[in-house]
């Protein structure tokens, strides 16, 4: 994807996430692979009002090549790309329900959002949890790389938000929306007797993905 196409895709993705109310204020950030490295949102950018001037071009080792200073959370994006060569785009949000869910104690770090319906599992498989580190902390990178190496492309960042990598920016955005919906269902049914999908049913969905 060339820079012009990537810029347009990021602007459109930011508008959709804002319309879905998954990116309040200046929270959240996006990136996409390009021939020159990666294009990401700059520091302080508001996803619902992005323009080309808000985008930063970096090498895949994090060196700024053009544009404003990148989001301080770019190490998370670099970690996802380094650990999963198939990932072409990364979306980070502070979506309300997913962020609240990620503040709960006792989540399974390898299967945090137990499947009640097929859709999240079809898009992302099992959701991992990354232990809390302050936003932009360098210690997040190895934690994310380890989680991705274990097969997770969708992550809850404990007490922080979500991180999703996928084969295209459109797919990463759609998967982020699905993660928010799944965690909203989980919060709605929290404390109730829930009929979850069986491990065999989940394995079948993961295999299809």
N, C-alpha and C. Protein backbone atom coordinates (compact mmCIF):
# COMPACT_ATOMS: atom_id res chain seq x y z
N UNK A 1 0.85 -1.19 0.00
CA UNK A 1 0.00 0.00 0.00
C UNK A 1 0.88 1.25 0.00
N UNK A 2 0.58 2.20 -0.88
CA UNK A 2 1.39 3.41 -0.92
C UNK A 2 0.94 4.40 0.16
N UNK A 3 1.71 5.45 0.32
CA UNK A 3 1.45 6.39 1.42
C UNK A 3 0.11 7.10 1.29
N UNK A 4 -0.27 7.45 0.07
CA UNK A 4 -1.55 8.13 -0.13
C UNK A 4 -2.72 7.24 0.27
N UNK A 5 -2.68 5.98 -0.18
CA UNK A 5 -3.74 5.03 0.18
C UNK A 5 -3.76 4.78 1.68
N UNK A 6 -2.58 4.64 2.27
CA UNK A 6 -2.49 4.38 3.70
C UNK A 6 -3.03 5.56 4.51
N UNK A 7 -2.71 6.77 4.08
CA UNK A 7 -3.20 7.96 4.77
C UNK A 7 -4.72 8.01 4.75
N UNK A 8 -5.30 7.76 3.59
CA UNK A 8 -6.76 7.76 3.46
C UNK A 8 -7.39 6.69 4.33
N UNK A 9 -6.76 5.51 4.36
CA UNK A 9 -7.28 4.40 5.16
C UNK A 9 -7.26 4.75 6.65
N UNK A 10 -6.20 5.38 7.11
CA UNK A 10 -6.12 5.75 8.53
C UNK A 10 -7.16 6.81 8.89
N UNK A 11 -7.36 7.78 8.02
CA UNK A 11 -8.37 8.81 8.27
C UNK A 11 -9.76 8.18 8.35
N UNK A 12 -10.07 7.27 7.43
CA UNK A 12 -11.37 6.59 7.43
C UNK A 12 -11.53 5.72 8.66
N UNK A 13 -10.48 5.01 9.05
CA UNK A 13 -10.55 4.15 10.23
C UNK A 13 -10.78 4.97 11.49
N UNK A 14 -10.08 6.10 11.60
CA UNK A 14 -10.28 6.95 12.76
C UNK A 14 -11.70 7.47 12.85
N UNK A 15 -12.26 7.84 11.70
CA UNK A 15 -13.64 8.33 11.68
C UNK A 15 -14.62 7.25 12.12
N UNK A 16 -14.39 6.01 11.67
CA UNK A 16 -15.29 4.92 12.06
C UNK A 16 -15.20 4.64 13.55
N UNK A 17 -13.99 4.57 14.08
CA UNK A 17 -13.83 4.29 15.51
C UNK A 17 -14.46 5.40 16.35
N UNK A 18 -14.33 6.64 15.89
CA UNK A 18 -14.95 7.74 16.59
C UNK A 18 -16.47 7.64 16.53
N UNK A 19 -17.00 7.30 15.35
CA UNK A 19 -18.45 7.16 15.20
C UNK A 19 -18.99 6.03 16.07
N UNK A 20 -18.19 4.99 16.26
CA UNK A 20 -18.59 3.87 17.13
C UNK A 20 -18.37 4.19 18.61
N UNK A 21 -17.87 5.37 18.89
CA UNK A 21 -17.60 5.85 20.25
C UNK A 21 -16.57 4.96 20.96
N UNK A 22 -15.59 4.53 20.21
CA UNK A 22 -14.53 3.69 20.77
C UNK A 22 -13.25 4.48 21.00
N UNK A 23 -13.26 5.76 20.68
CA UNK A 23 -12.03 6.56 20.79
C UNK A 23 -12.35 7.95 21.31
N UNK A 24 -12.67 8.07 22.61
CA UNK A 24 -13.02 9.39 23.15
C UNK A 24 -11.82 10.34 23.19
N UNK A 25 -12.07 11.59 22.87
CA UNK A 25 -11.02 12.60 22.94
C UNK A 25 -9.82 12.26 22.07
N UNK A 26 -8.64 12.38 22.66
CA UNK A 26 -7.41 12.08 21.93
C UNK A 26 -6.87 10.70 22.28
N UNK A 27 -7.72 9.82 22.80
CA UNK A 27 -7.27 8.47 23.14
C UNK A 27 -7.20 7.60 21.89
N UNK A 28 -6.40 6.55 21.98
CA UNK A 28 -6.30 5.58 20.90
C UNK A 28 -5.31 6.00 19.83
N UNK A 29 -4.84 5.01 19.09
CA UNK A 29 -3.91 5.27 17.99
C UNK A 29 -3.95 4.13 17.00
N UNK A 30 -3.52 4.42 15.77
CA UNK A 30 -3.61 3.49 14.65
C UNK A 30 -2.29 3.46 13.90
N UNK A 31 -2.04 2.33 13.24
CA UNK A 31 -0.88 2.26 12.34
C UNK A 31 -1.15 1.26 11.23
N UNK A 32 -0.38 1.41 10.16
CA UNK A 32 -0.51 0.52 9.01
C UNK A 32 0.86 0.36 8.36
N UNK A 33 1.15 -0.86 7.91
CA UNK A 33 2.42 -1.09 7.21
C UNK A 33 2.39 -0.42 5.83
N UNK A 34 3.51 0.16 5.47
CA UNK A 34 3.71 0.70 4.13
C UNK A 34 5.10 0.26 3.67
N UNK A 35 5.39 0.48 2.40
CA UNK A 35 6.69 0.07 1.87
C UNK A 35 7.84 0.71 2.63
N UNK A 36 7.64 1.93 3.09
CA UNK A 36 8.72 2.67 3.76
C UNK A 36 8.87 2.30 5.24
N UNK A 37 7.93 1.53 5.78
CA UNK A 37 7.95 1.17 7.20
C UNK A 37 6.54 1.09 7.74
N UNK A 38 6.16 2.07 8.56
CA UNK A 38 4.78 2.13 9.02
C UNK A 38 4.34 3.58 9.14
N UNK A 39 3.05 3.79 8.92
CA UNK A 39 2.42 5.09 9.05
C UNK A 39 1.52 5.01 10.26
N UNK A 40 1.66 5.95 11.20
CA UNK A 40 0.85 5.89 12.42
C UNK A 40 0.34 7.28 12.78
N UNK A 41 -0.60 7.31 13.70
CA UNK A 41 -1.13 8.58 14.17
C UNK A 41 -0.10 9.27 15.07
N UNK A 42 -0.06 10.58 14.96
CA UNK A 42 0.89 11.36 15.73
C UNK A 42 0.43 11.59 17.16
N UNK A 43 1.33 12.06 17.98
CA UNK A 43 1.00 12.31 19.38
C UNK A 43 -0.10 13.36 19.50
N UNK A 44 -1.08 13.07 20.35
CA UNK A 44 -2.17 14.00 20.59
C UNK A 44 -3.22 14.07 19.50
N UNK A 45 -3.12 13.21 18.48
CA UNK A 45 -4.10 13.24 17.39
C UNK A 45 -5.46 12.74 17.86
N UNK A 46 -6.51 13.36 17.38
CA UNK A 46 -7.88 12.94 17.68
C UNK A 46 -8.36 12.08 16.51
N UNK A 47 -8.69 10.81 16.79
CA UNK A 47 -8.99 9.88 15.71
C UNK A 47 -10.18 10.31 14.87
N UNK A 48 -11.14 10.98 15.47
CA UNK A 48 -12.31 11.40 14.72
C UNK A 48 -12.09 12.61 13.85
N UNK A 49 -10.91 13.23 13.93
CA UNK A 49 -10.64 14.44 13.15
C UNK A 49 -9.25 14.37 12.52
N UNK A 50 -8.86 13.19 12.08
CA UNK A 50 -7.53 13.01 11.51
C UNK A 50 -7.40 13.68 10.14
N UNK A 51 -6.20 14.17 9.87
CA UNK A 51 -5.83 14.61 8.53
C UNK A 51 -4.43 14.07 8.25
N UNK A 52 -3.99 14.21 7.02
CA UNK A 52 -2.66 13.71 6.66
C UNK A 52 -1.57 14.36 7.51
N UNK A 53 -1.80 15.59 7.95
CA UNK A 53 -0.81 16.30 8.76
C UNK A 53 -0.63 15.69 10.14
N UNK A 54 -1.56 14.83 10.54
CA UNK A 54 -1.50 14.18 11.86
C UNK A 54 -0.76 12.85 11.83
N UNK A 55 -0.24 12.45 10.68
CA UNK A 55 0.32 11.11 10.51
C UNK A 55 1.84 11.14 10.47
N UNK A 56 2.43 10.15 11.11
CA UNK A 56 3.89 10.04 11.22
C UNK A 56 4.38 8.83 10.45
N UNK A 57 5.44 9.00 9.68
CA UNK A 57 6.06 7.90 8.96
C UNK A 57 7.31 7.46 9.72
N UNK A 58 7.36 6.16 10.05
CA UNK A 58 8.47 5.62 10.81
C UNK A 58 9.05 4.41 10.09
N UNK A 59 10.32 4.14 10.37
CA UNK A 59 10.90 2.85 9.97
C UNK A 59 10.37 1.79 10.93
N UNK A 60 10.56 0.52 10.57
CA UNK A 60 10.06 -0.56 11.42
C UNK A 60 10.89 -0.75 12.69
N UNK A 61 11.97 0.03 12.82
CA UNK A 61 12.68 0.04 14.10
C UNK A 61 12.40 1.32 14.89
N UNK A 62 11.37 2.06 14.46
CA UNK A 62 10.86 3.18 15.24
C UNK A 62 11.49 4.52 14.98
N UNK A 63 12.30 4.66 13.94
CA UNK A 63 12.94 5.94 13.63
C UNK A 63 11.97 6.82 12.83
N UNK A 64 11.74 8.04 13.29
CA UNK A 64 10.84 8.97 12.61
C UNK A 64 11.46 9.43 11.30
N UNK A 65 10.70 9.27 10.21
CA UNK A 65 11.18 9.68 8.89
C UNK A 65 10.49 10.94 8.38
N UNK A 66 9.23 11.13 8.78
CA UNK A 66 8.50 12.29 8.28
C UNK A 66 7.28 12.50 9.16
N UNK A 67 6.84 13.75 9.25
CA UNK A 67 5.62 14.06 9.97
C UNK A 67 5.87 14.41 11.43
N UNK A 68 4.78 14.58 12.19
CA UNK A 68 4.90 14.96 13.60
C UNK A 68 5.46 13.82 14.45
N UNK A 69 5.78 14.12 15.69
CA UNK A 69 6.20 13.06 16.59
C UNK A 69 5.08 12.03 16.70
N UNK A 70 5.43 10.75 16.68
CA UNK A 70 4.39 9.72 16.72
C UNK A 70 3.81 9.57 18.12
N UNK A 71 2.69 8.90 18.20
CA UNK A 71 2.13 8.55 19.50
C UNK A 71 3.20 7.91 20.38
N UNK A 72 3.16 8.22 21.67
CA UNK A 72 4.14 7.62 22.58
C UNK A 72 3.94 6.11 22.71
N UNK A 73 2.80 5.62 22.22
CA UNK A 73 2.51 4.19 22.33
C UNK A 73 2.94 3.39 21.10
N UNK A 74 3.73 4.01 20.24
CA UNK A 74 4.18 3.31 19.05
C UNK A 74 4.97 2.03 19.37
N UNK A 75 5.66 1.89 20.51
CA UNK A 75 6.32 0.61 20.79
C UNK A 75 5.36 -0.59 20.80
N UNK A 76 4.10 -0.36 21.18
CA UNK A 76 3.13 -1.46 21.13
C UNK A 76 2.89 -1.91 19.70
N UNK A 77 2.80 -0.96 18.80
CA UNK A 77 2.59 -1.27 17.40
C UNK A 77 3.80 -2.01 16.83
N UNK A 78 4.98 -1.50 17.14
CA UNK A 78 6.21 -2.14 16.67
C UNK A 78 6.31 -3.57 17.18
N UNK A 79 5.89 -3.79 18.42
CA UNK A 79 5.93 -5.14 18.99
C UNK A 79 5.02 -6.08 18.23
N UNK A 80 3.83 -5.62 17.88
CA UNK A 80 2.88 -6.46 17.14
C UNK A 80 3.44 -6.80 15.76
N UNK A 81 4.00 -5.83 15.07
CA UNK A 81 4.56 -6.09 13.74
C UNK A 81 5.76 -7.03 13.81
N UNK A 82 6.60 -6.85 14.82
CA UNK A 82 7.79 -7.68 14.94
C UNK A 82 7.44 -9.13 15.22
N UNK A 83 6.40 -9.34 16.03
CA UNK A 83 6.04 -10.69 16.45
C UNK A 83 5.14 -11.40 15.46
N UNK A 84 4.47 -10.65 14.59
CA UNK A 84 3.51 -11.25 13.65
C UNK A 84 3.68 -10.62 12.27
N UNK A 85 4.54 -11.19 11.43
CA UNK A 85 4.77 -10.62 10.10
C UNK A 85 3.52 -10.52 9.23
N UNK A 86 2.49 -11.33 9.54
CA UNK A 86 1.26 -11.28 8.75
C UNK A 86 0.39 -10.08 9.09
N UNK A 87 0.67 -9.43 10.21
CA UNK A 87 -0.13 -8.28 10.63
C UNK A 87 0.24 -7.07 9.77
N UNK A 88 -0.79 -6.46 9.18
CA UNK A 88 -0.58 -5.30 8.31
C UNK A 88 -1.07 -4.00 8.93
N UNK A 89 -1.82 -4.09 10.03
CA UNK A 89 -2.34 -2.89 10.67
C UNK A 89 -2.62 -3.18 12.14
N UNK A 90 -2.51 -2.14 12.95
CA UNK A 90 -2.72 -2.27 14.40
C UNK A 90 -3.63 -1.14 14.87
N UNK A 91 -4.58 -1.51 15.74
CA UNK A 91 -5.53 -0.55 16.31
C UNK A 91 -5.47 -0.63 17.83
N UNK A 92 -5.30 0.51 18.47
CA UNK A 92 -5.34 0.59 19.94
C UNK A 92 -6.45 1.56 20.33
N UNK A 93 -7.35 1.12 21.22
CA UNK A 93 -8.43 1.99 21.68
C UNK A 93 -8.56 1.93 23.20
N UNK A 94 -9.33 2.89 23.71
CA UNK A 94 -9.76 2.89 25.10
C UNK A 94 -11.28 2.68 25.13
N UNK A 95 -11.75 1.75 24.32
CA UNK A 95 -13.19 1.47 24.23
C UNK A 95 -13.76 1.18 25.62
N UNK A 96 -14.93 1.72 25.89
CA UNK A 96 -15.45 1.75 27.26
C UNK A 96 -15.59 0.37 27.89
N UNK A 97 -16.32 -0.53 27.25
CA UNK A 97 -16.59 -1.82 27.88
C UNK A 97 -15.34 -2.70 27.93
N UNK A 98 -14.58 -2.69 26.85
CA UNK A 98 -13.37 -3.50 26.83
C UNK A 98 -12.36 -3.02 27.87
N UNK A 99 -12.25 -1.71 28.03
CA UNK A 99 -11.34 -1.17 29.03
C UNK A 99 -11.81 -1.52 30.44
N UNK A 100 -13.12 -1.38 30.68
CA UNK A 100 -13.67 -1.76 31.98
C UNK A 100 -13.44 -3.24 32.26
N UNK A 101 -13.68 -4.06 31.26
CA UNK A 101 -13.50 -5.51 31.41
C UNK A 101 -12.04 -5.82 31.73
N UNK A 102 -11.13 -5.11 31.12
CA UNK A 102 -9.70 -5.32 31.36
C UNK A 102 -9.24 -4.86 32.73
N UNK A 103 -10.12 -4.22 33.49
CA UNK A 103 -9.81 -3.84 34.87
C UNK A 103 -10.25 -4.90 35.87
N UNK A 104 -10.97 -5.93 35.41
CA UNK A 104 -11.43 -6.98 36.31
C UNK A 104 -10.27 -7.87 36.73
N UNK A 105 -10.29 -8.29 37.97
CA UNK A 105 -9.28 -9.22 38.47
C UNK A 105 -9.62 -10.64 38.03
N UNK A 106 -8.60 -11.47 37.90
CA UNK A 106 -8.81 -12.89 37.67
C UNK A 106 -9.08 -13.29 36.24
N UNK A 107 -8.82 -12.42 35.27
CA UNK A 107 -9.03 -12.80 33.87
C UNK A 107 -7.98 -13.83 33.46
N UNK A 108 -8.41 -14.79 32.64
CA UNK A 108 -7.47 -15.78 32.10
C UNK A 108 -6.57 -15.08 31.09
N UNK A 109 -5.27 -15.02 31.30
CA UNK A 109 -4.40 -14.28 30.38
C UNK A 109 -4.32 -14.89 28.99
N UNK A 110 -4.79 -16.13 28.84
CA UNK A 110 -4.74 -16.79 27.54
C UNK A 110 -6.12 -16.90 26.87
N UNK A 111 -7.17 -16.59 27.62
CA UNK A 111 -8.54 -16.69 27.08
C UNK A 111 -9.43 -15.78 27.91
N UNK A 112 -9.20 -14.48 27.80
CA UNK A 112 -9.79 -13.52 28.72
C UNK A 112 -11.29 -13.33 28.52
N UNK A 113 -11.76 -13.46 27.29
CA UNK A 113 -13.17 -13.20 26.98
C UNK A 113 -13.78 -14.52 26.54
N UNK A 114 -14.34 -15.26 27.48
CA UNK A 114 -14.89 -16.57 27.15
C UNK A 114 -16.00 -16.43 26.11
N UNK A 115 -15.99 -17.32 25.15
CA UNK A 115 -16.89 -17.20 24.00
C UNK A 115 -18.32 -17.55 24.37
N UNK A 116 -19.23 -16.61 24.15
CA UNK A 116 -20.66 -16.85 24.29
C UNK A 116 -21.33 -16.92 22.93
N UNK A 117 -20.75 -16.22 21.96
CA UNK A 117 -21.21 -16.26 20.57
C UNK A 117 -19.97 -16.51 19.71
N UNK A 118 -20.15 -16.87 18.45
CA UNK A 118 -19.00 -17.24 17.62
C UNK A 118 -18.14 -16.08 17.13
N UNK A 119 -18.66 -14.86 17.13
CA UNK A 119 -18.14 -13.84 16.24
C UNK A 119 -16.75 -13.32 16.62
N UNK A 120 -16.51 -13.05 17.88
CA UNK A 120 -15.18 -12.59 18.27
C UNK A 120 -14.14 -13.67 18.00
N UNK A 121 -14.47 -14.91 18.34
CA UNK A 121 -13.53 -16.01 18.12
C UNK A 121 -13.23 -16.18 16.63
N UNK A 122 -14.24 -16.00 15.79
CA UNK A 122 -14.04 -16.11 14.35
C UNK A 122 -13.07 -15.04 13.84
N UNK A 123 -13.11 -13.87 14.44
CA UNK A 123 -12.26 -12.77 13.97
C UNK A 123 -10.86 -12.80 14.57
N UNK A 124 -10.77 -13.14 15.87
CA UNK A 124 -9.49 -12.97 16.57
C UNK A 124 -9.01 -14.20 17.33
N UNK A 125 -9.79 -15.26 17.36
CA UNK A 125 -9.39 -16.39 18.20
C UNK A 125 -9.53 -16.03 19.67
N UNK A 126 -8.69 -16.61 20.50
CA UNK A 126 -8.74 -16.33 21.94
C UNK A 126 -8.03 -15.02 22.25
N UNK A 127 -8.60 -14.28 23.20
CA UNK A 127 -8.07 -12.96 23.56
C UNK A 127 -7.10 -13.09 24.73
N UNK A 128 -5.93 -12.50 24.57
CA UNK A 128 -4.93 -12.52 25.64
C UNK A 128 -5.02 -11.28 26.52
N UNK A 129 -4.32 -11.33 27.63
CA UNK A 129 -4.22 -10.18 28.54
C UNK A 129 -2.75 -9.85 28.75
N UNK A 130 -2.42 -8.58 28.65
CA UNK A 130 -1.07 -8.09 28.91
C UNK A 130 -1.09 -7.33 30.23
N UNK A 131 -0.18 -7.65 31.12
CA UNK A 131 -0.13 -7.01 32.43
C UNK A 131 0.08 -5.50 32.30
N UNK A 132 -0.41 -4.77 33.28
CA UNK A 132 -0.35 -3.31 33.24
C UNK A 132 1.08 -2.78 33.23
N UNK A 133 1.28 -1.83 32.36
CA UNK A 133 2.45 -0.96 32.36
C UNK A 133 1.96 0.44 31.98
N UNK A 134 2.60 1.50 32.43
CA UNK A 134 2.15 2.84 32.05
C UNK A 134 2.17 3.03 30.53
N UNK A 135 1.27 3.83 29.99
CA UNK A 135 1.27 4.08 28.55
C UNK A 135 2.63 4.55 28.06
N UNK A 136 3.11 3.92 26.99
CA UNK A 136 4.39 4.27 26.42
C UNK A 136 5.58 3.61 27.08
N UNK A 137 5.35 2.85 28.15
CA UNK A 137 6.45 2.20 28.87
C UNK A 137 7.13 1.15 27.98
N UNK A 138 8.46 1.17 27.96
CA UNK A 138 9.20 0.23 27.13
C UNK A 138 8.98 -1.21 27.55
N UNK A 139 8.59 -1.43 28.81
CA UNK A 139 8.35 -2.78 29.29
C UNK A 139 7.16 -3.46 28.67
N UNK A 140 6.30 -2.69 27.99
CA UNK A 140 5.15 -3.30 27.32
C UNK A 140 5.57 -4.13 26.11
N UNK A 141 6.64 -3.70 25.45
CA UNK A 141 7.00 -4.36 24.19
C UNK A 141 7.24 -5.86 24.35
N UNK A 142 8.10 -6.31 25.27
CA UNK A 142 8.30 -7.76 25.38
C UNK A 142 7.04 -8.51 25.81
N UNK A 143 6.21 -7.88 26.63
CA UNK A 143 4.96 -8.53 27.05
C UNK A 143 4.05 -8.75 25.85
N UNK A 144 3.96 -7.76 24.98
CA UNK A 144 3.12 -7.88 23.79
C UNK A 144 3.72 -8.89 22.82
N UNK A 145 5.02 -8.84 22.62
CA UNK A 145 5.66 -9.80 21.72
C UNK A 145 5.43 -11.23 22.18
N UNK A 146 5.52 -11.46 23.49
CA UNK A 146 5.29 -12.81 24.01
C UNK A 146 3.85 -13.25 23.79
N UNK A 147 2.90 -12.34 24.04
CA UNK A 147 1.49 -12.69 23.86
C UNK A 147 1.18 -12.99 22.39
N UNK A 148 1.73 -12.19 21.49
CA UNK A 148 1.50 -12.42 20.06
C UNK A 148 2.16 -13.72 19.62
N UNK A 149 3.34 -14.00 20.14
CA UNK A 149 4.03 -15.25 19.81
C UNK A 149 3.22 -16.47 20.25
N UNK A 150 2.40 -16.29 21.29
CA UNK A 150 1.53 -17.37 21.75
C UNK A 150 0.28 -17.53 20.88
N UNK A 151 0.12 -16.64 19.90
CA UNK A 151 -0.99 -16.77 18.97
C UNK A 151 -2.09 -15.75 19.11
N UNK A 152 -1.93 -14.76 20.00
CA UNK A 152 -2.98 -13.76 20.21
C UNK A 152 -2.78 -12.57 19.27
N UNK A 153 -3.83 -12.24 18.53
CA UNK A 153 -3.83 -11.01 17.72
C UNK A 153 -4.76 -9.96 18.31
N UNK A 154 -5.53 -10.36 19.32
CA UNK A 154 -6.36 -9.43 20.06
C UNK A 154 -5.98 -9.48 21.53
N UNK A 155 -5.70 -8.32 22.11
CA UNK A 155 -5.22 -8.26 23.48
C UNK A 155 -6.00 -7.23 24.29
N UNK A 156 -6.25 -7.57 25.55
CA UNK A 156 -6.67 -6.59 26.53
C UNK A 156 -5.43 -6.13 27.27
N UNK A 157 -5.20 -4.84 27.29
CA UNK A 157 -4.11 -4.26 28.06
C UNK A 157 -4.68 -3.93 29.43
N UNK A 158 -4.24 -4.64 30.45
CA UNK A 158 -4.85 -4.52 31.78
C UNK A 158 -4.89 -3.06 32.24
N UNK A 159 -6.09 -2.64 32.68
CA UNK A 159 -6.30 -1.28 33.21
C UNK A 159 -5.91 -0.19 32.21
N UNK A 160 -6.09 -0.48 30.91
CA UNK A 160 -5.64 0.46 29.90
C UNK A 160 -6.55 0.49 28.68
N UNK A 161 -6.69 -0.62 27.94
CA UNK A 161 -7.48 -0.60 26.72
C UNK A 161 -7.29 -1.86 25.90
N UNK A 162 -7.39 -1.72 24.58
CA UNK A 162 -7.30 -2.87 23.68
C UNK A 162 -6.18 -2.67 22.67
N UNK A 163 -5.69 -3.79 22.14
CA UNK A 163 -4.70 -3.76 21.06
C UNK A 163 -5.03 -4.91 20.12
N UNK A 164 -5.24 -4.58 18.84
CA UNK A 164 -5.63 -5.57 17.84
C UNK A 164 -4.76 -5.41 16.61
N UNK A 165 -4.23 -6.52 16.13
CA UNK A 165 -3.50 -6.54 14.87
C UNK A 165 -4.19 -7.46 13.89
N UNK A 166 -4.25 -7.07 12.61
CA UNK A 166 -4.93 -7.93 11.63
C UNK A 166 -4.30 -7.73 10.26
N UNK A 167 -4.86 -8.47 9.28
CA UNK A 167 -4.27 -8.50 7.94
C UNK A 167 -4.54 -7.25 7.13
N UNK A 168 -5.46 -6.43 7.58
CA UNK A 168 -5.72 -5.14 6.95
C UNK A 168 -6.26 -4.20 8.01
N UNK A 169 -6.23 -2.91 7.73
CA UNK A 169 -6.74 -1.94 8.69
C UNK A 169 -8.24 -2.11 8.87
N UNK A 170 -8.96 -2.36 7.79
CA UNK A 170 -10.41 -2.56 7.89
C UNK A 170 -10.73 -3.75 8.80
N UNK A 171 -9.97 -4.84 8.66
CA UNK A 171 -10.21 -6.01 9.50
C UNK A 171 -9.85 -5.74 10.95
N UNK A 172 -8.79 -4.98 11.18
CA UNK A 172 -8.40 -4.65 12.55
C UNK A 172 -9.46 -3.78 13.23
N UNK A 173 -10.03 -2.85 12.48
CA UNK A 173 -11.10 -2.01 13.03
C UNK A 173 -12.33 -2.85 13.33
N UNK A 174 -12.74 -3.71 12.39
CA UNK A 174 -13.91 -4.56 12.61
C UNK A 174 -13.72 -5.48 13.80
N UNK A 175 -12.52 -6.03 13.94
CA UNK A 175 -12.24 -6.91 15.07
C UNK A 175 -12.26 -6.14 16.39
N UNK A 176 -11.80 -4.89 16.36
CA UNK A 176 -11.86 -4.06 17.56
C UNK A 176 -13.30 -3.79 17.97
N UNK A 177 -14.15 -3.51 16.99
CA UNK A 177 -15.58 -3.31 17.27
C UNK A 177 -16.17 -4.58 17.87
N UNK A 178 -15.81 -5.73 17.33
CA UNK A 178 -16.33 -7.00 17.83
C UNK A 178 -15.83 -7.28 19.25
N UNK A 179 -14.58 -6.93 19.54
CA UNK A 179 -14.05 -7.10 20.89
C UNK A 179 -14.82 -6.24 21.89
N UNK A 180 -15.13 -5.02 21.50
CA UNK A 180 -15.94 -4.16 22.37
C UNK A 180 -17.32 -4.76 22.60
N UNK A 181 -17.95 -5.29 21.57
CA UNK A 181 -19.28 -5.89 21.72
C UNK A 181 -19.23 -7.12 22.62
N UNK A 182 -18.21 -7.94 22.45
CA UNK A 182 -18.09 -9.17 23.25
C UNK A 182 -17.87 -8.85 24.72
N UNK A 183 -17.04 -7.85 24.99
CA UNK A 183 -16.82 -7.49 26.39
C UNK A 183 -18.04 -6.81 26.99
N UNK A 184 -18.79 -6.08 26.18
CA UNK A 184 -20.05 -5.50 26.66
C UNK A 184 -21.02 -6.60 27.07
N UNK A 185 -21.12 -7.66 26.26
CA UNK A 185 -21.97 -8.79 26.62
C UNK A 185 -21.49 -9.45 27.90
N UNK A 186 -20.19 -9.61 28.02
CA UNK A 186 -19.63 -10.23 29.22
C UNK A 186 -19.93 -9.40 30.46
N UNK A 187 -19.82 -8.08 30.35
CA UNK A 187 -20.14 -7.22 31.49
C UNK A 187 -21.63 -7.28 31.82
N UNK A 188 -22.47 -7.33 30.78
CA UNK A 188 -23.92 -7.39 30.98
C UNK A 188 -24.32 -8.66 31.72
N UNK A 189 -23.64 -9.76 31.42
CA UNK A 189 -23.99 -11.05 32.00
C UNK A 189 -23.12 -11.43 33.19
N UNK A 190 -22.24 -10.53 33.61
CA UNK A 190 -21.31 -10.84 34.70
C UNK A 190 -22.07 -11.24 35.96
N UNK A 191 -21.69 -12.36 36.55
CA UNK A 191 -22.34 -12.84 37.76
C UNK A 191 -23.55 -13.71 37.52
N UNK A 192 -23.94 -13.90 36.27
CA UNK A 192 -25.07 -14.75 35.94
C UNK A 192 -24.58 -16.11 35.46
N UNK A 193 -25.49 -17.06 35.42
CA UNK A 193 -25.17 -18.38 34.89
C UNK A 193 -25.22 -18.31 33.37
N UNK A 194 -24.06 -18.46 32.73
CA UNK A 194 -23.94 -18.26 31.28
C UNK A 194 -23.68 -19.59 30.59
N UNK A 195 -24.32 -19.78 29.45
CA UNK A 195 -24.06 -20.96 28.61
C UNK A 195 -22.97 -20.58 27.61
N UNK A 196 -21.74 -20.89 27.95
CA UNK A 196 -20.61 -20.58 27.07
C UNK A 196 -20.49 -21.62 25.97
N UNK A 197 -19.83 -21.25 24.88
CA UNK A 197 -19.46 -22.25 23.89
C UNK A 197 -18.49 -23.24 24.53
N UNK A 198 -18.57 -24.49 24.11
CA UNK A 198 -17.69 -25.52 24.67
C UNK A 198 -16.28 -25.35 24.11
N UNK A 199 -15.27 -25.91 24.79
CA UNK A 199 -13.91 -25.85 24.25
C UNK A 199 -13.81 -26.41 22.83
N UNK A 200 -14.55 -27.48 22.55
CA UNK A 200 -14.54 -28.04 21.20
C UNK A 200 -15.12 -27.09 20.17
N UNK A 201 -16.19 -26.40 20.53
CA UNK A 201 -16.79 -25.43 19.62
C UNK A 201 -15.84 -24.26 19.37
N UNK A 202 -15.15 -23.83 20.42
CA UNK A 202 -14.18 -22.74 20.26
C UNK A 202 -13.01 -23.19 19.39
N UNK A 203 -12.52 -24.39 19.63
CA UNK A 203 -11.41 -24.91 18.81
C UNK A 203 -11.78 -24.95 17.33
N UNK A 204 -13.02 -25.34 17.05
CA UNK A 204 -13.49 -25.40 15.66
C UNK A 204 -13.47 -24.01 15.03
N UNK A 205 -13.92 -23.00 15.78
CA UNK A 205 -13.93 -21.64 15.26
C UNK A 205 -12.51 -21.11 15.05
N UNK A 206 -11.62 -21.40 16.00
CA UNK A 206 -10.23 -20.96 15.87
C UNK A 206 -9.59 -21.58 14.64
N UNK A 207 -9.87 -22.87 14.42
CA UNK A 207 -9.30 -23.56 13.26
C UNK A 207 -9.78 -22.95 11.95
N UNK A 208 -11.02 -22.49 11.92
CA UNK A 208 -11.55 -21.86 10.72
C UNK A 208 -10.88 -20.52 10.43
N UNK A 209 -10.50 -19.83 11.53
CA UNK A 209 -9.93 -18.50 11.36
C UNK A 209 -8.60 -18.49 10.66
